[in-house]
Amino acid sequence: MNKPLKEIIIVGGGTAGWLTAGIIAAEHNARAYSGVKVTLIESKNIPSIGVGEGTWPTMRETLNTLGIQEFEFIATCDASFKQGSKFIGWKNGNANDSYYHPFIAPHGLGTSNQVDYWQHKHSDTSFAHALSCQPHLCDQHKAPKQFQTPEFAGVTNYGYHLDAGKFAALLTRHCTEKLGVKHIQDDVINVIGEINSNIQAIVTKEHGNLSADLFIDCSGLNSLLIEKHYKIPLVNLKDTLFNNSAVAVQVPYVDQQASISSHTISTAHDNGWIWDIGLPSRRGVGCVYAENYLTQSDAHQTLHQYLSKTIPVKEVDKLTFRDIKFTPGYRNILWHHNCVAVGMAAGFIEPLEASALALVELSAKMIAKELPADLSIMPITANRFNQRFNYRWERIVEFLKLHYILSDRTSTYWQDNRKIASIPNRLQELMSLWKFQPPSYNDFTEIEEIFPAASYQYILYGMNFQTQSRTTSSRFNNHLTAEKHFMENKQLTSKYLAGLPSNRELIKYLTAQYQQKIAS
């Protein structure tokens, strides 16, 4: 006899829990009698970690799907526009050591060998500046679109920076009021079910036993269901990606009208790196490090020195530093029986390249699209989910490691990062391949790749990696075609620099629009 999946319980709130709830509720009509019932259980006693404040461009589609208007999101989440990342000091720490990883692919990618053309003709200009307009826009703190551009559209590809706490609050309100998600504030104190079978129910402190057909673990580092109940361990990555600690701080602007960066700033130090994210009202800054190489007190000092370059020391002394510990890794079994882990319950590596929220989006969207119509096919769905996300986690590990192995920095931390034993085998193979041909779509075969070939090109050639020219001719190695795209990019850059407002100007405009709407 068929048994349809009708009820889902999500354990844990924050951005992971509420994004997952909203995406599933929107897809499966949770408000309707015939829809899937979605309940989110959230403890009042466990604060959200909220490390990541950066998103990928995928967030635009997600917000649109949820029915959240862009100006409401910008105004209520202290959000700004993000067009990529800038890496400072990662190669050698010299004064001119910086490069961009923008969200736009190199202009004309795939039509000719632009890498070879750039190396021969324009290597005095950074790879990203030569082949993308976006680094130029970021240099000038420009927005990705004009005032009248429709919401979620842009002349350049963009994501967001946001206040994670405010975003969770917006999602809570929207999901409960507009999408039919039931919200229970309570503590989960036990799980009913055997370790080798489905969860029958969870036991809560105030609401008793709550049953469902599918349980989604969004309980963060606590991992109440996937780890504490099912004993699914992390694949520990400490020998590949060393960072396991961070110290974070919220930094007010000295000048409230200061320019808002259109990119994440990632600055290397001797034992890790520092993120710097510009929001309309403040900056979010944090020092990422490996405790085997740097003590907590020295990490605080490293962050203090960084902040003292832009704000008075007496103001730095007033700030509250927050320490965060994590184990870099992921679970290779994410969907087990009728439980699936999403967010930090599934794994966390480090904030580099802001993959955390993107993985939440991808996970929730696949659960929503593949949600078993009948419980009998759940094992098939689980297997497909696990295969897909194992592939994605492996690619993330390789891409993040790429940032470290190209460095010439001489501290022990960076030298150890370059040791062959710490580099995944597939990445070693690709590095050998890329000595003779640039990264291409043939290296990454999934339809929804986490990081496409363009991203690898920006990191490789931003860090001065050299790909040898072919000794024989080919149609792809056409410098005339590459020159045409180079000139087109220059023209686009001039056009966009002249016509686009600043990040702060567009944010002010959209915030005013939202305030007018709620006042009327």
Protein backbone atom coordinates (compact mmCIF):
# COMPACT_ATOMS: atom_id res chain seq x y z
CA MET A 1 0.00 0.00 0.00
CA ASN A 2 1.32 3.45 -0.96
CA LYS A 3 2.31 5.88 1.76
CA PRO A 4 2.77 9.48 0.60
CA LEU A 5 5.18 11.88 2.28
CA LYS A 6 2.99 14.48 3.95
CA GLU A 7 4.86 15.91 6.93
CA ILE A 8 8.37 17.33 7.38
CA ILE A 9 10.01 18.48 10.59
CA ILE A 10 13.08 20.73 10.44
CA VAL A 11 15.19 20.74 13.60
CA GLY A 12 17.02 24.06 13.97
CA GLY A 13 16.47 27.58 12.72
CA GLY A 14 18.95 30.22 11.63
CA THR A 15 19.53 30.85 7.95
CA ALA A 16 19.97 27.14 7.17
CA GLY A 17 16.74 26.06 8.82
CA TRP A 18 14.58 28.88 7.55
CA LEU A 19 15.94 28.84 4.00
CA THR A 20 15.27 25.10 3.86
CA ALA A 21 11.79 25.53 5.30
CA GLY A 22 10.93 28.32 2.90
CA ILE A 23 12.21 26.60 -0.23
CA ILE A 24 10.32 23.37 0.54
CA ALA A 25 7.16 25.17 1.69
CA ALA A 26 7.06 27.31 -1.46
CA GLU A 27 7.57 24.30 -3.72
CA HIS A 28 5.05 22.04 -1.98
CA ASN A 29 2.26 24.48 -1.10
CA ALA A 30 2.59 24.18 2.67
CA ARG A 31 -0.22 26.71 3.14
CA ALA A 32 -2.71 24.54 1.28
CA TYR A 33 -4.64 21.62 2.80
CA SER A 34 -3.30 19.39 0.02
CA GLY A 35 0.30 20.56 0.45
CA VAL A 36 3.15 19.12 2.48
CA LYS A 37 3.11 20.19 6.12
CA VAL A 38 6.39 21.86 7.16
CA THR A 39 7.21 22.42 10.84
CA LEU A 40 10.38 24.09 12.11
CA ILE A 41 11.50 23.51 15.69
CA GLU A 42 13.94 26.05 17.05
CA SER A 43 15.50 26.33 20.47
CA LYS A 44 15.38 29.70 22.20
CA ASN A 45 18.58 28.82 24.03
CA ILE A 46 20.94 28.20 21.11
CA PRO A 47 22.17 31.33 19.27
CA SER A 48 22.95 31.20 15.56
CA ILE A 49 26.65 31.10 14.70
CA GLY A 50 26.16 33.36 11.68
CA VAL A 51 29.75 33.15 10.40
CA GLY A 52 28.94 33.62 6.75
CA GLU A 53 27.61 36.97 5.58
CA GLY A 54 28.25 36.38 1.89
CA THR A 55 26.05 34.74 -0.74
CA TRP A 56 26.40 33.62 -4.31
CA PRO A 57 24.25 34.94 -7.18
CA THR A 58 21.98 31.91 -6.61
CA MET A 59 20.41 33.81 -3.71
CA ARG A 60 18.59 36.08 -6.15
CA GLU A 61 16.62 33.14 -7.57
CA THR A 62 16.02 31.83 -4.06
CA LEU A 63 14.56 35.11 -2.80
CA ASN A 64 12.40 35.38 -5.90
CA THR A 65 11.13 31.83 -5.42
CA LEU A 66 10.26 32.57 -1.80
CA GLY A 67 8.39 35.69 -2.83
CA ILE A 68 10.63 38.12 -0.96
CA GLN A 69 11.04 41.41 -2.80
CA GLU A 70 14.59 42.59 -3.30
CA PHE A 71 14.11 46.03 -1.76
CA GLU A 72 12.58 44.45 1.36
CA PHE A 73 15.56 42.12 1.65
CA ILE A 74 18.06 44.96 1.18
CA ALA A 75 16.32 47.24 3.68
CA THR A 76 15.59 44.73 6.45
CA CYS A 77 18.76 42.61 6.31
CA ASP A 78 21.31 45.44 6.19
CA ALA A 79 22.32 43.92 2.87
CA SER A 80 24.64 45.15 0.14
CA PHE A 81 25.56 43.98 -3.34
CA LYS A 82 28.44 41.57 -3.88
CA GLN A 83 30.15 41.14 -7.25
CA GLY A 84 33.00 38.85 -6.27
CA SER A 85 36.04 38.58 -4.00
CA LYS A 86 39.35 40.40 -3.85
CA PHE A 87 42.40 38.51 -2.57
CA ILE A 88 45.19 40.57 -1.05
CA GLY A 89 48.62 39.23 -0.13
CA TRP A 90 47.94 35.60 -1.03
CA LYS A 91 50.81 35.25 -3.47
CA ASN A 92 53.72 36.84 -1.60
CA GLY A 93 52.41 39.68 0.56
CA ASN A 94 54.06 42.42 -1.50
CA ALA A 95 52.45 45.84 -1.96
CA ASN A 96 50.97 45.02 -5.40
CA ASP A 97 49.87 41.49 -4.50
CA SER A 98 46.13 41.34 -5.19
CA TYR A 99 43.65 39.85 -7.65
CA TYR A 100 39.90 39.39 -8.11
CA HIS A 101 37.56 36.43 -8.44
CA PRO A 102 34.53 38.17 -9.98
CA PHE A 103 31.09 36.66 -10.58
CA ILE A 104 31.27 37.29 -14.34
CA ALA A 105 33.19 34.83 -16.50
CA PRO A 106 36.03 36.19 -18.67
CA HIS A 107 34.44 37.96 -21.63
CA GLY A 108 34.22 35.51 -24.55
CA LEU A 109 35.17 32.47 -22.46
CA GLY A 110 35.25 29.30 -24.55
CA THR A 111 35.52 31.01 -27.93
CA SER A 112 39.31 31.29 -27.94
CA ASN A 113 42.34 30.70 -25.76
CA GLN A 114 42.19 33.95 -23.84
CA VAL A 115 44.76 32.74 -21.31
CA ASP A 116 47.41 32.34 -23.99
CA TYR A 117 46.52 35.71 -25.51
CA TRP A 118 46.65 37.42 -22.10
CA GLN A 119 49.99 35.84 -21.20
CA HIS A 120 51.53 37.05 -24.45
CA LYS A 121 49.91 40.47 -24.86
CA HIS A 122 48.56 41.83 -21.57
CA SER A 123 50.27 40.09 -18.67
CA ASP A 124 51.17 43.52 -17.25
CA THR A 125 47.43 43.82 -16.44
CA SER A 126 45.85 41.38 -14.00
CA PHE A 127 43.96 38.53 -15.66
CA ALA A 128 40.59 39.53 -14.20
CA HIS A 129 40.99 43.22 -15.04
CA ALA A 130 41.99 42.35 -18.61
CA LEU A 131 39.07 40.04 -19.28
CA SER A 132 36.21 41.15 -17.03
CA CYS A 133 34.57 44.50 -16.35
CA GLN A 134 33.67 43.53 -12.80
CA PRO A 135 37.04 44.14 -11.07
CA HIS A 136 36.98 47.70 -12.45
CA LEU A 137 33.48 48.19 -11.02
CA CYS A 138 34.60 46.81 -7.67
CA ASP A 139 37.59 49.16 -7.65
CA GLN A 140 35.12 52.04 -7.88
CA HIS A 141 32.57 50.56 -5.41
CA LYS A 142 29.96 50.42 -8.16
CA ALA A 143 26.58 48.69 -7.94
CA PRO A 144 25.71 45.88 -10.40
CA LYS A 145 22.74 47.75 -11.90
CA GLN A 146 20.98 51.07 -12.32
CA PHE A 147 18.20 52.51 -10.17
CA GLN A 148 15.39 51.45 -12.52
CA THR A 149 16.69 47.96 -13.30
CA PRO A 150 14.02 45.38 -12.31
CA GLU A 151 14.56 43.49 -9.06
CA PHE A 152 16.97 40.55 -9.24
CA ALA A 153 18.18 41.69 -12.67
CA GLY A 154 21.51 43.39 -13.29
CA VAL A 155 23.99 44.46 -15.95
CA THR A 156 26.52 42.29 -14.09
CA ASN A 157 26.11 39.07 -12.12
CA TYR A 158 25.79 39.63 -8.38
CA GLY A 159 25.04 38.15 -4.99
CA TYR A 160 24.76 39.84 -1.61
CA HIS A 161 26.44 40.55 1.69
CA LEU A 162 23.99 40.44 4.59
CA ASP A 163 23.47 40.44 8.33
CA ALA A 164 22.83 36.76 9.08
CA GLY A 165 20.74 37.45 12.18
CA LYS A 166 18.49 39.93 10.39
CA PHE A 167 18.15 37.59 7.43
CA ALA A 168 17.01 34.75 9.70
CA ALA A 169 14.45 37.12 11.26
CA LEU A 170 13.09 38.10 7.82
CA LEU A 171 12.87 34.45 6.78
CA THR A 172 11.11 33.53 10.03
CA ARG A 173 8.48 36.19 9.51
CA HIS A 174 8.01 35.47 5.80
CA CYS A 175 7.89 31.68 6.10
CA THR A 176 5.34 31.70 8.92
CA GLU A 177 3.13 34.50 7.59
CA LYS A 178 3.29 33.86 3.83
CA LEU A 179 4.41 30.27 3.22
CA GLY A 180 2.57 28.30 5.89
CA VAL A 181 5.54 27.04 7.92
CA LYS A 182 4.61 26.11 11.48
CA HIS A 183 7.11 27.48 14.01
CA ILE A 184 7.68 25.79 17.37
CA GLN A 185 10.15 27.21 19.87
CA ASP A 186 11.27 24.30 22.02
CA ASP A 187 14.24 22.11 22.86
CA VAL A 188 14.69 18.65 21.35
CA ILE A 189 15.66 16.34 24.22
CA ASN A 190 15.44 12.88 22.61
CA VAL A 191 14.87 10.94 19.40
CA ILE A 192 12.53 7.95 19.09
CA GLY A 193 13.79 5.37 16.64
CA GLU A 194 16.51 2.79 16.20
CA ILE A 195 19.88 3.68 14.73
CA ASN A 196 19.32 1.25 11.83
CA SER A 197 15.82 2.44 10.93
CA ASN A 198 13.68 5.52 10.47
CA ILE A 199 13.16 8.19 13.10
CA GLN A 200 9.62 7.79 14.42
CA ALA A 201 9.44 11.04 16.37
CA ILE A 202 11.46 13.61 18.23
CA VAL A 203 10.83 14.37 21.88
CA THR A 204 10.60 18.03 22.84
CA LYS A 205 10.72 19.57 26.30
CA GLU A 206 7.36 21.37 26.14
CA HIS A 207 5.47 19.89 23.17
CA GLY A 208 6.11 16.22 23.77
CA ASN A 209 6.55 13.78 20.89
CA LEU A 210 6.40 15.19 17.36
CA SER A 211 6.28 12.78 14.40
CA ALA A 212 6.87 13.29 10.68
CA ASP A 213 7.73 11.40 7.50
CA LEU A 214 11.02 13.26 6.93
CA PHE A 215 13.30 14.98 9.43
CA ILE A 216 15.79 17.63 8.30
CA ASP A 217 18.71 18.30 10.62
CA CYS A 218 19.57 22.00 10.60
CA SER A 219 20.86 22.01 14.16
CA GLY A 220 24.29 23.28 13.16
CA LEU A 221 27.37 22.04 14.95
CA ASN A 222 25.14 20.21 17.46
CA SER A 223 24.03 17.82 14.69
CA LEU A 224 21.29 16.42 16.90
CA LEU A 225 19.92 13.92 14.41
CA ILE A 226 22.60 12.99 11.89
CA GLU A 227 25.44 12.69 14.39
CA LYS A 228 24.08 12.36 17.90
CA HIS A 229 21.34 9.91 16.89
CA TYR A 230 22.61 8.22 13.74
CA LYS A 231 26.34 8.45 14.59
CA ILE A 232 27.29 9.55 11.04
CA PRO A 233 30.83 10.98 11.39
CA LEU A 234 32.52 13.86 9.62
CA VAL A 235 35.09 13.26 6.92
CA ASN A 236 37.80 15.21 8.72
CA LEU A 237 39.79 17.50 6.42
CA LYS A 238 42.35 18.75 8.93
CA ASP A 239 45.22 17.30 6.89
CA THR A 240 44.07 19.11 3.71
CA LEU A 241 42.51 22.38 4.87
CA PHE A 242 44.13 23.36 8.16
CA ASN A 243 41.95 26.20 9.41
CA ASN A 244 39.71 25.33 12.38
CA SER A 245 39.20 28.64 14.19
CA ALA A 246 38.08 32.20 13.62
CA VAL A 247 37.65 35.38 15.61
CA ALA A 248 34.91 37.67 14.30
CA VAL A 249 33.91 41.26 15.01
CA GLN A 250 31.35 43.82 13.86
CA VAL A 251 33.00 47.13 13.00
CA PRO A 252 31.05 50.42 12.75
CA TYR A 253 32.03 52.85 10.00
CA VAL A 254 33.98 55.89 11.14
CA ASP A 255 32.18 57.77 8.38
CA GLN A 256 28.56 56.60 7.98
CA GLN A 257 28.66 57.68 4.32
CA ALA A 258 31.80 55.68 3.56
CA SER A 259 31.89 53.68 0.35
CA ILE A 260 30.55 50.13 0.61
CA SER A 261 32.80 47.56 -1.01
CA SER A 262 31.16 45.61 -3.84
CA HIS A 263 33.23 42.54 -3.01
CA THR A 264 34.49 40.47 -0.13
CA ILE A 265 38.04 41.42 0.81
CA SER A 266 40.18 38.41 1.77
CA THR A 267 43.61 39.37 3.11
CA ALA A 268 46.25 36.73 3.80
CA HIS A 269 48.35 36.73 6.96
CA ASP A 270 51.16 34.43 8.06
CA ASN A 271 48.82 31.81 9.50
CA GLY A 272 45.56 32.19 7.61
CA TRP A 273 43.48 35.05 6.24
CA ILE A 274 41.06 37.84 7.19
CA TRP A 275 37.63 38.47 5.69
CA ASP A 276 36.25 42.00 5.43
CA ILE A 277 32.64 42.47 4.34
CA GLY A 278 30.94 45.82 3.85
CA LEU A 279 27.31 46.22 4.88
CA PRO A 280 25.39 49.54 4.83
CA SER A 281 25.71 50.11 8.59
CA ARG A 282 28.95 48.30 9.45
CA ARG A 283 31.70 45.94 8.37
CA GLY A 284 31.86 42.27 9.28
CA VAL A 285 35.51 41.29 9.80
CA GLY A 286 37.09 38.06 10.93
CA CYS A 287 40.46 36.34 11.24
CA VAL A 288 40.53 32.72 10.07
CA TYR A 289 43.41 30.59 11.31
CA ALA A 290 44.66 27.13 12.27
CA GLU A 291 45.22 26.67 15.99
CA ASN A 292 48.21 24.41 15.27
CA TYR A 293 49.99 27.48 13.88
CA LEU A 294 48.50 30.43 15.77
CA THR A 295 47.25 30.85 19.33
CA GLN A 296 43.90 32.46 20.05
CA SER A 297 45.55 35.48 21.67
CA ASP A 298 47.83 35.96 18.66
CA ALA A 299 44.81 35.68 16.36
CA HIS A 300 43.16 38.48 18.33
CA GLN A 301 46.32 40.54 17.94
CA THR A 302 46.47 39.85 14.20
CA LEU A 303 42.88 41.05 13.81
CA HIS A 304 43.53 44.06 16.04
CA GLN A 305 46.49 45.10 13.87
CA TYR A 306 44.42 44.72 10.70
CA LEU A 307 41.57 46.86 12.03
CA SER A 308 43.96 49.52 13.32
CA LYS A 309 44.89 50.32 9.72
CA THR A 310 41.43 51.74 9.03
CA ILE A 311 40.03 52.87 12.39
CA PRO A 312 41.62 54.46 15.48
CA VAL A 313 43.21 52.04 17.95
CA LYS A 314 41.05 53.36 20.80
CA GLU A 315 37.96 52.40 18.75
CA VAL A 316 39.34 48.92 18.04
CA ASP A 317 39.83 48.44 21.77
CA LYS A 318 36.09 48.97 22.33
CA LEU A 319 35.03 46.20 19.93
CA THR A 320 33.79 42.80 21.06
CA PHE A 321 35.69 39.87 19.53
CA ARG A 322 33.86 36.55 19.22
CA ASP A 323 35.76 33.28 19.02
CA ILE A 324 34.52 30.43 16.82
CA LYS A 325 35.82 26.87 16.69
CA PHE A 326 34.98 24.33 14.00
CA THR A 327 36.18 21.01 12.62
CA PRO A 328 36.78 21.28 8.87
CA GLY A 329 34.87 18.44 7.25
CA TYR A 330 31.62 17.08 5.86
CA ARG A 331 29.51 13.95 6.15
CA ASN A 332 29.66 11.59 3.17
CA ILE A 333 26.26 10.26 4.24
CA LEU A 334 23.95 13.26 4.42
CA TRP A 335 20.60 11.56 3.87
CA HIS A 336 20.23 8.50 6.09
CA HIS A 337 16.90 6.67 6.37
CA ASN A 338 14.35 9.49 6.80
CA CYS A 339 16.83 12.11 8.01
CA VAL A 340 18.82 14.56 5.89
CA ALA A 341 21.43 17.03 7.15
CA VAL A 342 21.60 20.59 5.78
CA GLY A 343 23.88 23.47 6.70
CA MET A 344 26.56 23.10 9.34
CA ALA A 345 25.00 19.81 10.46
CA ALA A 346 26.08 18.49 7.06
CA GLY A 347 29.55 19.98 7.30
CA PHE A 348 31.61 23.13 7.27
CA ILE A 349 35.08 23.81 5.92
CA GLU A 350 35.84 27.52 6.30
CA PRO A 351 34.32 30.84 5.17
CA LEU A 352 36.60 31.16 2.11
CA GLU A 353 34.53 31.74 -1.08
CA ALA A 354 31.25 31.79 0.92
CA SER A 355 30.07 28.30 0.00
CA ALA A 356 28.06 27.70 3.22
CA LEU A 357 24.79 29.44 2.29
CA ALA A 358 25.08 28.27 -1.32
CA LEU A 359 25.20 24.65 -0.14
CA VAL A 360 22.10 25.26 1.98
CA GLU A 361 20.29 26.60 -1.09
CA LEU A 362 21.40 23.71 -3.28
CA SER A 363 20.51 21.13 -0.63
CA ALA A 364 17.06 22.58 0.03
CA LYS A 365 16.30 22.90 -3.67
CA MET A 366 17.24 19.29 -4.37
CA ILE A 367 15.17 18.08 -1.40
CA ALA A 368 12.23 20.14 -2.66
CA LYS A 369 12.52 18.97 -6.27
CA GLU A 370 13.23 15.33 -5.42
CA LEU A 371 10.90 15.04 -2.41
CA PRO A 372 9.64 11.45 -2.58
CA ALA A 373 5.99 11.27 -3.56
CA ASP A 374 5.92 7.91 -1.78
CA LEU A 375 8.01 6.77 1.18
CA SER A 376 8.94 3.55 -0.64
CA ILE A 377 11.30 5.44 -2.97
CA MET A 378 13.06 7.43 -0.24
CA PRO A 379 16.17 5.16 -0.30
CA ILE A 380 16.60 5.94 -4.01
CA THR A 381 16.26 9.67 -3.37
CA ALA A 382 18.70 9.47 -0.47
CA ASN A 383 21.30 7.69 -2.60
CA ARG A 384 21.00 10.26 -5.38
CA PHE A 385 21.29 13.11 -2.88
CA ASN A 386 24.37 11.60 -1.23
CA GLN A 387 26.12 11.04 -4.55
CA ARG A 388 25.44 14.58 -5.73
CA PHE A 389 26.61 16.26 -2.55
CA ASN A 390 29.66 14.09 -2.06
CA TYR A 391 30.72 15.29 -5.50
CA ARG A 392 30.04 18.90 -4.51
CA TRP A 393 31.93 18.73 -1.24
CA GLU A 394 34.93 17.17 -2.98
CA ARG A 395 34.99 19.98 -5.56
CA ILE A 396 34.74 22.64 -2.83
CA VAL A 397 37.70 21.10 -1.00
CA GLU A 398 39.79 21.14 -4.19
CA PHE A 399 38.87 24.71 -5.07
CA LEU A 400 39.62 26.09 -1.64
CA LYS A 401 42.91 24.20 -1.48
CA LEU A 402 43.89 25.75 -4.82
CA HIS A 403 44.07 29.17 -3.13
CA TYR A 404 46.75 27.92 -0.76
CA ILE A 405 49.03 25.81 -2.96
CA LEU A 406 49.83 28.65 -5.36
CA SER A 407 51.26 30.93 -2.68
CA ASP A 408 54.95 31.80 -2.34
CA ARG A 409 54.55 32.99 1.27
CA THR A 410 57.31 31.57 3.46
CA SER A 411 55.78 31.00 6.91
CA THR A 412 55.47 27.39 8.08
CA TYR A 413 51.67 27.51 7.65
CA TRP A 414 51.92 28.33 3.94
CA GLN A 415 54.82 25.96 3.31
CA ASP A 416 52.86 23.10 4.88
CA ASN A 417 49.86 23.97 2.71
CA ARG A 418 52.02 23.34 -0.36
CA LYS A 419 53.17 19.87 0.69
CA ILE A 420 52.02 17.23 -1.77
CA ALA A 421 50.59 15.02 0.97
CA SER A 422 48.03 17.73 1.80
CA ILE A 423 46.81 18.19 -1.82
CA PRO A 424 43.90 16.02 -3.07
CA ASN A 425 44.93 13.61 -5.84
CA ARG A 426 42.47 14.98 -8.36
CA LEU A 427 43.73 18.51 -7.82
CA GLN A 428 47.31 17.32 -8.30
CA GLU A 429 46.28 15.79 -11.60
CA LEU A 430 44.49 18.94 -12.73
CA MET A 431 47.49 21.09 -11.84
CA SER A 432 49.63 18.90 -14.12
CA LEU A 433 47.05 19.25 -16.88
CA TRP A 434 46.78 23.02 -16.49
CA LYS A 435 50.49 23.48 -17.11
CA PHE A 436 49.68 22.77 -20.75
CA GLN A 437 46.03 23.85 -21.16
CA PRO A 438 43.82 26.23 -19.18
CA PRO A 439 40.85 24.98 -17.13
CA SER A 440 37.83 24.27 -19.33
CA TYR A 441 34.32 22.87 -19.06
CA ASN A 442 35.74 19.41 -19.77
CA ASP A 443 37.36 19.45 -16.32
CA PHE A 444 33.99 19.93 -14.56
CA THR A 445 31.16 17.85 -15.99
CA GLU A 446 28.17 18.48 -13.71
CA ILE A 447 25.35 20.69 -14.98
CA GLU A 448 25.32 22.61 -11.68
CA GLU A 449 29.01 22.80 -10.86
CA ILE A 450 29.89 24.41 -7.54
CA PHE A 451 32.77 26.32 -9.15
CA PRO A 452 33.04 26.45 -12.96
CA ALA A 453 36.23 26.52 -15.02
CA ALA A 454 36.15 30.33 -15.05
CA SER A 455 36.57 30.43 -11.27
CA TYR A 456 39.64 28.23 -11.46
CA GLN A 457 41.10 30.47 -14.16
CA TYR A 458 40.67 33.56 -12.00
CA ILE A 459 42.48 31.94 -9.06
CA LEU A 460 45.24 30.33 -11.12
CA TYR A 461 46.17 33.34 -13.20
CA GLY A 462 45.47 35.80 -10.41
CA MET A 463 48.26 33.96 -8.58
CA ASN A 464 50.57 34.11 -11.63
CA PHE A 465 50.28 30.46 -12.64
CA GLN A 466 51.80 29.81 -16.06
CA THR A 467 50.23 27.66 -18.77
CA GLN A 468 52.59 26.83 -21.61
CA SER A 469 51.67 27.71 -25.18
CA ARG A 470 51.14 24.94 -27.70
CA THR A 471 53.92 24.49 -30.19
CA THR A 472 51.37 23.65 -32.91
CA SER A 473 48.57 25.88 -34.17
CA SER A 474 44.86 25.35 -33.56
CA ARG A 475 41.62 27.14 -34.23
CA PHE A 476 41.11 27.73 -30.50
CA ASN A 477 44.44 29.56 -30.16
CA ASN A 478 43.19 32.50 -32.18
CA HIS A 479 44.67 35.74 -30.84
CA LEU A 480 42.55 37.85 -33.20
CA THR A 481 39.35 36.54 -31.64
CA ALA A 482 40.81 36.98 -28.17
CA GLU A 483 41.85 40.55 -29.02
CA LYS A 484 38.29 41.28 -30.14
CA HIS A 485 36.93 40.14 -26.76
CA PHE A 486 39.60 42.09 -24.93
CA MET A 487 38.57 45.29 -26.71
CA GLU A 488 34.87 44.57 -26.12
CA ASN A 489 35.56 44.21 -22.42
CA LYS A 490 37.29 47.60 -22.37
CA GLN A 491 34.25 49.18 -24.02
CA LEU A 492 31.83 47.50 -21.61
CA THR A 493 33.94 48.63 -18.69
CA SER A 494 33.88 52.26 -19.81
CA LYS A 495 30.14 52.11 -20.39
CA TYR A 496 29.34 50.57 -17.01
CA LEU A 497 31.68 52.84 -15.04
CA ALA A 498 29.97 55.85 -16.55
CA GLY A 499 26.39 54.62 -16.07
CA LEU A 500 26.24 52.73 -12.79
CA PRO A 501 25.60 54.24 -9.36
CA SER A 502 27.72 53.38 -6.34
CA ASN A 503 26.81 50.48 -4.08
CA ARG A 504 25.71 52.85 -1.32
CA GLU A 505 23.65 55.02 -3.69
CA LEU A 506 21.64 52.05 -4.98
CA ILE A 507 21.13 50.65 -1.49
CA LYS A 508 19.84 54.05 -0.29
CA TYR A 509 17.45 54.22 -3.25
CA LEU A 510 16.03 50.72 -2.68
CA THR A 511 15.75 51.27 1.07
CA ALA A 512 13.79 54.49 0.49
CA GLN A 513 11.48 52.63 -1.89
CA TYR A 514 10.76 50.01 0.76
CA GLN A 515 10.15 52.62 3.45
CA GLN A 516 7.69 54.42 1.17
CA LYS A 517 5.85 51.15 0.57
CA ILE A 518 5.41 50.28 4.25
CA ALA A 519 4.42 53.86 5.06
CA SER A 520 1.64 53.88 2.47
